[in-house]
Amino acid sequence: MSFLSNLFGTPTPKLTAAELSEKMKFGKHPLVLDVRQPEEFQQGHISGAKLIPLGEIHKRMKELPKGREIVCVCASGSRSSSAAKTLAKEGFTVFDMQGGMIAWRRAKLPVQK
C-alpha cells in the first residue's frame, strides 16, 4: 500500500451533498471552498462558500484556516478532487464533495446567487 500511496497519493475523504448539508447544520461548520471560476460561482453556490478558483489555490492557501475542516466543491467533482489533494498535502483537514454543484442541485439543496 505504501508504494501505491507514494505513486497516487492518499485518497481524499469524500462527502455527498446530503452529508455536507448535515455537517453544515449540525456539525463542525466546515469551510466550503468553491474552486470554480467566478462566473460559475455567480450562477449559484452554496451559502457561505468561499471562492478560490483552482488555478489560484497555491498562491491563496494562506487565506485558508488550518484548524477547520474544508470541503472542496466544483461543478461536477473533478476540480474539487484536485484542490482537495493539493490542500491535504499541505496539512489541511479536507474533504471532496462528490458530484459537485450538480449533485447539490439534484439533492434540491439551497443555492445562493
N, C-alpha and C. Protein backbone atom coordinates (compact mmCIF):
# COMPACT_ATOMS: atom_id res chain seq x y z
N MET A 1 0.83 -1.20 0.00
CA MET A 1 0.00 0.00 0.00
C MET A 1 0.86 1.25 0.00
N SER A 2 1.97 1.23 0.68
CA SER A 2 2.85 2.39 0.74
C SER A 2 3.31 2.80 -0.65
N PHE A 3 3.66 1.82 -1.48
CA PHE A 3 4.08 2.11 -2.84
C PHE A 3 2.97 2.82 -3.61
N LEU A 4 1.74 2.31 -3.49
CA LEU A 4 0.61 2.92 -4.19
C LEU A 4 0.32 4.31 -3.65
N SER A 5 0.42 4.50 -2.33
CA SER A 5 0.21 5.82 -1.74
C SER A 5 1.24 6.81 -2.25
N ASN A 6 2.48 6.36 -2.35
CA ASN A 6 3.53 7.23 -2.86
C ASN A 6 3.30 7.58 -4.32
N LEU A 7 2.81 6.60 -5.08
CA LEU A 7 2.59 6.80 -6.50
C LEU A 7 1.37 7.67 -6.79
N PHE A 8 0.26 7.38 -6.11
CA PHE A 8 -1.00 8.07 -6.41
C PHE A 8 -1.45 9.04 -5.32
N GLY A 9 -0.81 9.03 -4.18
CA GLY A 9 -1.24 9.88 -3.06
C GLY A 9 -2.31 9.18 -2.24
N THR A 10 -2.51 9.68 -1.05
CA THR A 10 -3.53 9.13 -0.16
C THR A 10 -4.89 9.60 -0.65
N PRO A 11 -5.87 8.70 -0.70
CA PRO A 11 -7.20 9.12 -1.16
C PRO A 11 -7.78 10.21 -0.25
N THR A 12 -8.41 11.19 -0.84
CA THR A 12 -9.04 12.27 -0.08
C THR A 12 -10.42 11.80 0.37
N PRO A 13 -10.76 12.03 1.64
CA PRO A 13 -12.11 11.65 2.09
C PRO A 13 -13.17 12.40 1.29
N LYS A 14 -14.27 11.71 1.02
CA LYS A 14 -15.34 12.29 0.22
C LYS A 14 -16.61 12.44 1.06
N LEU A 15 -17.41 13.43 0.68
CA LEU A 15 -18.72 13.64 1.29
C LEU A 15 -19.75 13.74 0.17
N THR A 16 -20.97 13.31 0.44
CA THR A 16 -22.06 13.54 -0.50
C THR A 16 -22.63 14.93 -0.22
N ALA A 17 -23.47 15.41 -1.10
CA ALA A 17 -24.13 16.70 -0.90
C ALA A 17 -24.96 16.66 0.39
N ALA A 18 -25.68 15.58 0.61
CA ALA A 18 -26.51 15.46 1.82
C ALA A 18 -25.65 15.46 3.08
N GLU A 19 -24.51 14.78 3.04
CA GLU A 19 -23.62 14.75 4.20
C GLU A 19 -23.06 16.15 4.49
N LEU A 20 -22.70 16.89 3.44
CA LEU A 20 -22.22 18.24 3.66
C LEU A 20 -23.32 19.12 4.25
N SER A 21 -24.53 18.99 3.73
CA SER A 21 -25.65 19.76 4.25
C SER A 21 -25.85 19.48 5.75
N GLU A 22 -25.79 18.22 6.13
CA GLU A 22 -25.94 17.84 7.54
C GLU A 22 -24.80 18.41 8.38
N LYS A 23 -23.58 18.32 7.89
CA LYS A 23 -22.42 18.88 8.60
C LYS A 23 -22.59 20.37 8.83
N MET A 24 -23.10 21.06 7.81
CA MET A 24 -23.29 22.50 7.91
C MET A 24 -24.36 22.85 8.94
N LYS A 25 -25.38 22.01 9.07
CA LYS A 25 -26.46 22.27 10.02
C LYS A 25 -26.09 21.87 11.44
N PHE A 26 -25.46 20.70 11.58
CA PHE A 26 -25.30 20.12 12.91
C PHE A 26 -23.87 19.81 13.29
N GLY A 27 -22.95 19.94 12.36
CA GLY A 27 -21.57 19.53 12.61
C GLY A 27 -20.65 20.65 13.01
N LYS A 28 -19.45 20.56 12.53
CA LYS A 28 -18.39 21.50 12.88
C LYS A 28 -18.40 22.75 12.02
N HIS A 29 -19.38 22.90 11.16
CA HIS A 29 -19.46 24.05 10.25
C HIS A 29 -18.17 24.20 9.45
N PRO A 30 -17.95 23.28 8.53
CA PRO A 30 -16.73 23.35 7.72
C PRO A 30 -16.74 24.56 6.80
N LEU A 31 -15.56 24.95 6.37
CA LEU A 31 -15.44 25.98 5.34
C LEU A 31 -15.72 25.31 4.00
N VAL A 32 -16.70 25.81 3.27
CA VAL A 32 -16.98 25.30 1.94
C VAL A 32 -16.14 26.13 0.98
N LEU A 33 -15.23 25.47 0.30
CA LEU A 33 -14.32 26.12 -0.64
C LEU A 33 -14.75 25.79 -2.06
N ASP A 34 -15.27 26.78 -2.76
CA ASP A 34 -15.72 26.62 -4.14
C ASP A 34 -14.54 26.93 -5.05
N VAL A 35 -14.13 25.97 -5.85
CA VAL A 35 -12.93 26.13 -6.69
C VAL A 35 -13.28 26.35 -8.17
N ARG A 36 -14.52 26.75 -8.44
CA ARG A 36 -14.92 27.04 -9.82
C ARG A 36 -14.47 28.45 -10.20
N GLN A 37 -14.79 28.86 -11.39
CA GLN A 37 -14.49 30.20 -11.87
C GLN A 37 -15.54 31.19 -11.34
N PRO A 38 -15.20 32.48 -11.23
CA PRO A 38 -16.14 33.46 -10.68
C PRO A 38 -17.51 33.48 -11.37
N GLU A 39 -17.52 33.34 -12.69
CA GLU A 39 -18.81 33.37 -13.40
C GLU A 39 -19.67 32.15 -13.05
N GLU A 40 -19.06 31.00 -12.80
CA GLU A 40 -19.81 29.81 -12.36
C GLU A 40 -20.36 30.04 -10.96
N PHE A 41 -19.54 30.60 -10.10
CA PHE A 41 -19.92 30.89 -8.72
C PHE A 41 -21.12 31.83 -8.69
N GLN A 42 -21.12 32.86 -9.54
CA GLN A 42 -22.20 33.84 -9.58
C GLN A 42 -23.52 33.22 -10.04
N GLN A 43 -23.46 32.14 -10.79
CA GLN A 43 -24.67 31.48 -11.26
C GLN A 43 -25.35 30.68 -10.16
N GLY A 44 -24.66 30.47 -9.06
CA GLY A 44 -25.25 29.76 -7.92
C GLY A 44 -24.20 28.99 -7.16
N HIS A 45 -24.21 29.16 -5.83
CA HIS A 45 -23.23 28.49 -4.98
C HIS A 45 -23.86 28.15 -3.63
N ILE A 46 -23.15 27.39 -2.85
CA ILE A 46 -23.59 27.02 -1.51
C ILE A 46 -23.42 28.24 -0.62
N SER A 47 -24.43 28.54 0.16
CA SER A 47 -24.40 29.71 1.03
C SER A 47 -23.18 29.68 1.96
N GLY A 48 -22.47 30.80 1.99
CA GLY A 48 -21.30 30.91 2.85
C GLY A 48 -20.01 30.39 2.23
N ALA A 49 -20.09 29.87 1.01
CA ALA A 49 -18.89 29.32 0.37
C ALA A 49 -17.88 30.42 0.06
N LYS A 50 -16.60 30.05 0.16
CA LYS A 50 -15.50 30.95 -0.20
C LYS A 50 -15.03 30.55 -1.58
N LEU A 51 -14.90 31.53 -2.47
CA LEU A 51 -14.46 31.27 -3.83
C LEU A 51 -12.95 31.46 -3.96
N ILE A 52 -12.27 30.40 -4.32
CA ILE A 52 -10.87 30.46 -4.75
C ILE A 52 -10.76 29.51 -5.93
N PRO A 53 -10.70 30.05 -7.15
CA PRO A 53 -10.59 29.17 -8.32
C PRO A 53 -9.39 28.23 -8.21
N LEU A 54 -9.53 27.05 -8.76
CA LEU A 54 -8.49 26.02 -8.67
C LEU A 54 -7.11 26.55 -9.04
N GLY A 55 -7.02 27.34 -10.10
CA GLY A 55 -5.74 27.87 -10.55
C GLY A 55 -5.08 28.84 -9.57
N GLU A 56 -5.83 29.30 -8.55
CA GLU A 56 -5.30 30.24 -7.57
C GLU A 56 -5.01 29.61 -6.22
N ILE A 57 -5.29 28.32 -6.08
CA ILE A 57 -5.15 27.64 -4.79
C ILE A 57 -3.75 27.83 -4.19
N HIS A 58 -2.71 27.57 -4.97
CA HIS A 58 -1.35 27.63 -4.43
C HIS A 58 -1.01 29.01 -3.88
N LYS A 59 -1.36 30.06 -4.60
CA LYS A 59 -0.96 31.39 -4.15
C LYS A 59 -1.90 31.97 -3.09
N ARG A 60 -3.08 31.37 -2.88
CA ARG A 60 -4.03 31.90 -1.90
C ARG A 60 -4.26 30.99 -0.70
N MET A 61 -3.42 29.97 -0.56
CA MET A 61 -3.56 29.00 0.52
C MET A 61 -3.53 29.64 1.90
N LYS A 62 -2.82 30.76 2.04
CA LYS A 62 -2.72 31.44 3.34
C LYS A 62 -4.06 31.96 3.83
N GLU A 63 -5.02 32.08 2.93
CA GLU A 63 -6.36 32.57 3.30
C GLU A 63 -7.20 31.49 3.98
N LEU A 64 -6.71 30.26 3.97
CA LEU A 64 -7.50 29.13 4.48
C LEU A 64 -7.09 28.76 5.90
N PRO A 65 -8.07 28.41 6.73
CA PRO A 65 -7.78 28.05 8.13
C PRO A 65 -7.25 26.62 8.27
N LYS A 66 -6.14 26.48 8.98
CA LYS A 66 -5.57 25.13 9.20
C LYS A 66 -6.39 24.33 10.22
N GLY A 67 -7.03 24.99 11.17
CA GLY A 67 -7.72 24.28 12.24
C GLY A 67 -9.18 24.00 11.99
N ARG A 68 -9.64 24.15 10.77
CA ARG A 68 -11.05 23.95 10.44
C ARG A 68 -11.18 23.02 9.25
N GLU A 69 -12.20 22.18 9.26
CA GLU A 69 -12.44 21.30 8.12
C GLU A 69 -12.77 22.14 6.90
N ILE A 70 -12.25 21.72 5.76
CA ILE A 70 -12.53 22.39 4.49
C ILE A 70 -13.15 21.36 3.55
N VAL A 71 -14.25 21.75 2.91
CA VAL A 71 -14.90 20.88 1.93
C VAL A 71 -14.79 21.57 0.57
N CYS A 72 -14.11 20.93 -0.36
CA CYS A 72 -13.92 21.48 -1.70
C CYS A 72 -15.10 21.11 -2.60
N VAL A 73 -15.57 22.10 -3.36
CA VAL A 73 -16.72 21.93 -4.24
C VAL A 73 -16.41 22.55 -5.60
N CYS A 74 -16.85 21.89 -6.66
CA CYS A 74 -16.76 22.47 -8.00
C CYS A 74 -18.08 22.17 -8.73
N ALA A 75 -18.06 22.12 -10.03
CA ALA A 75 -19.29 21.85 -10.78
C ALA A 75 -19.68 20.37 -10.72
N SER A 76 -18.70 19.48 -10.97
CA SER A 76 -19.02 18.05 -11.06
C SER A 76 -18.20 17.16 -10.13
N GLY A 77 -17.13 17.67 -9.56
CA GLY A 77 -16.30 16.88 -8.65
C GLY A 77 -14.87 16.69 -9.11
N SER A 78 -14.55 17.08 -10.32
CA SER A 78 -13.20 16.88 -10.84
C SER A 78 -12.20 17.89 -10.28
N ARG A 79 -12.51 19.18 -10.41
CA ARG A 79 -11.60 20.21 -9.90
C ARG A 79 -11.50 20.17 -8.38
N SER A 80 -12.60 19.87 -7.72
CA SER A 80 -12.58 19.83 -6.26
C SER A 80 -11.69 18.70 -5.76
N SER A 81 -11.65 17.60 -6.48
CA SER A 81 -10.78 16.49 -6.12
C SER A 81 -9.32 16.92 -6.19
N SER A 82 -8.95 17.64 -7.24
CA SER A 82 -7.58 18.15 -7.38
C SER A 82 -7.24 19.12 -6.26
N ALA A 83 -8.17 20.02 -5.97
CA ALA A 83 -7.95 21.01 -4.90
C ALA A 83 -7.79 20.31 -3.55
N ALA A 84 -8.63 19.33 -3.29
CA ALA A 84 -8.58 18.61 -2.01
C ALA A 84 -7.24 17.89 -1.84
N LYS A 85 -6.75 17.27 -2.90
CA LYS A 85 -5.45 16.59 -2.84
C LYS A 85 -4.33 17.58 -2.56
N THR A 86 -4.38 18.73 -3.21
CA THR A 86 -3.37 19.76 -3.01
C THR A 86 -3.37 20.24 -1.56
N LEU A 87 -4.55 20.51 -1.03
CA LEU A 87 -4.66 21.01 0.34
C LEU A 87 -4.26 19.95 1.36
N ALA A 88 -4.63 18.70 1.11
CA ALA A 88 -4.26 17.62 2.03
C ALA A 88 -2.75 17.49 2.13
N LYS A 89 -2.05 17.64 1.00
CA LYS A 89 -0.58 17.57 1.02
C LYS A 89 0.03 18.68 1.85
N GLU A 90 -0.69 19.79 2.00
CA GLU A 90 -0.20 20.93 2.77
C GLU A 90 -0.65 20.89 4.23
N GLY A 91 -1.31 19.80 4.61
CA GLY A 91 -1.67 19.60 6.01
C GLY A 91 -3.06 20.07 6.43
N PHE A 92 -3.90 20.44 5.47
CA PHE A 92 -5.26 20.85 5.80
C PHE A 92 -6.14 19.62 6.02
N THR A 93 -7.16 19.76 6.86
CA THR A 93 -8.18 18.73 7.03
C THR A 93 -9.22 19.00 5.96
N VAL A 94 -9.25 18.15 4.95
CA VAL A 94 -10.04 18.46 3.76
C VAL A 94 -10.86 17.28 3.28
N PHE A 95 -12.02 17.61 2.71
CA PHE A 95 -12.92 16.63 2.10
C PHE A 95 -13.24 17.11 0.69
N ASP A 96 -13.64 16.19 -0.15
CA ASP A 96 -14.07 16.49 -1.50
C ASP A 96 -15.55 16.14 -1.59
N MET A 97 -16.39 17.10 -2.02
CA MET A 97 -17.80 16.80 -2.17
C MET A 97 -18.04 16.13 -3.52
N GLN A 98 -18.53 14.91 -3.46
CA GLN A 98 -18.78 14.12 -4.67
C GLN A 98 -19.88 14.75 -5.51
N GLY A 99 -19.63 14.81 -6.80
CA GLY A 99 -20.67 15.27 -7.72
C GLY A 99 -20.82 16.77 -7.83
N GLY A 100 -20.13 17.52 -7.00
CA GLY A 100 -20.14 18.98 -7.07
C GLY A 100 -21.53 19.61 -7.00
N MET A 101 -21.64 20.79 -7.61
CA MET A 101 -22.89 21.53 -7.58
C MET A 101 -24.00 20.81 -8.34
N ILE A 102 -23.63 19.95 -9.27
CA ILE A 102 -24.65 19.15 -9.96
C ILE A 102 -25.37 18.27 -8.92
N ALA A 103 -24.60 17.59 -8.07
CA ALA A 103 -25.19 16.74 -7.04
C ALA A 103 -25.95 17.57 -6.00
N TRP A 104 -25.41 18.73 -5.66
CA TRP A 104 -26.07 19.62 -4.68
C TRP A 104 -27.46 20.02 -5.19
N ARG A 105 -27.52 20.42 -6.46
CA ARG A 105 -28.81 20.82 -7.03
C ARG A 105 -29.76 19.63 -7.17
N ARG A 106 -29.22 18.46 -7.56
CA ARG A 106 -30.06 17.26 -7.68
C ARG A 106 -30.68 16.88 -6.34
N ALA A 107 -29.95 17.16 -5.27
CA ALA A 107 -30.46 16.85 -3.93
C ALA A 107 -31.46 17.92 -3.45
N LYS A 108 -31.71 18.92 -4.32
CA LYS A 108 -32.65 20.00 -4.03
C LYS A 108 -32.24 20.80 -2.79
N LEU A 109 -30.93 20.99 -2.64
CA LEU A 109 -30.40 21.79 -1.54
C LEU A 109 -30.32 23.25 -1.98
N PRO A 110 -30.37 24.18 -1.03
CA PRO A 110 -30.43 25.61 -1.39
C PRO A 110 -29.18 26.12 -2.09
N VAL A 111 -29.42 26.97 -3.09
CA VAL A 111 -28.36 27.60 -3.87
C VAL A 111 -28.50 29.11 -3.73
N GLN A 112 -27.40 29.77 -3.45
CA GLN A 112 -27.40 31.23 -3.32
C GLN A 112 -26.85 31.85 -4.58
N LYS A 113 -27.44 32.95 -5.01
CA LYS A 113 -26.96 33.67 -6.20
C LYS A 113 -26.51 35.05 -5.82
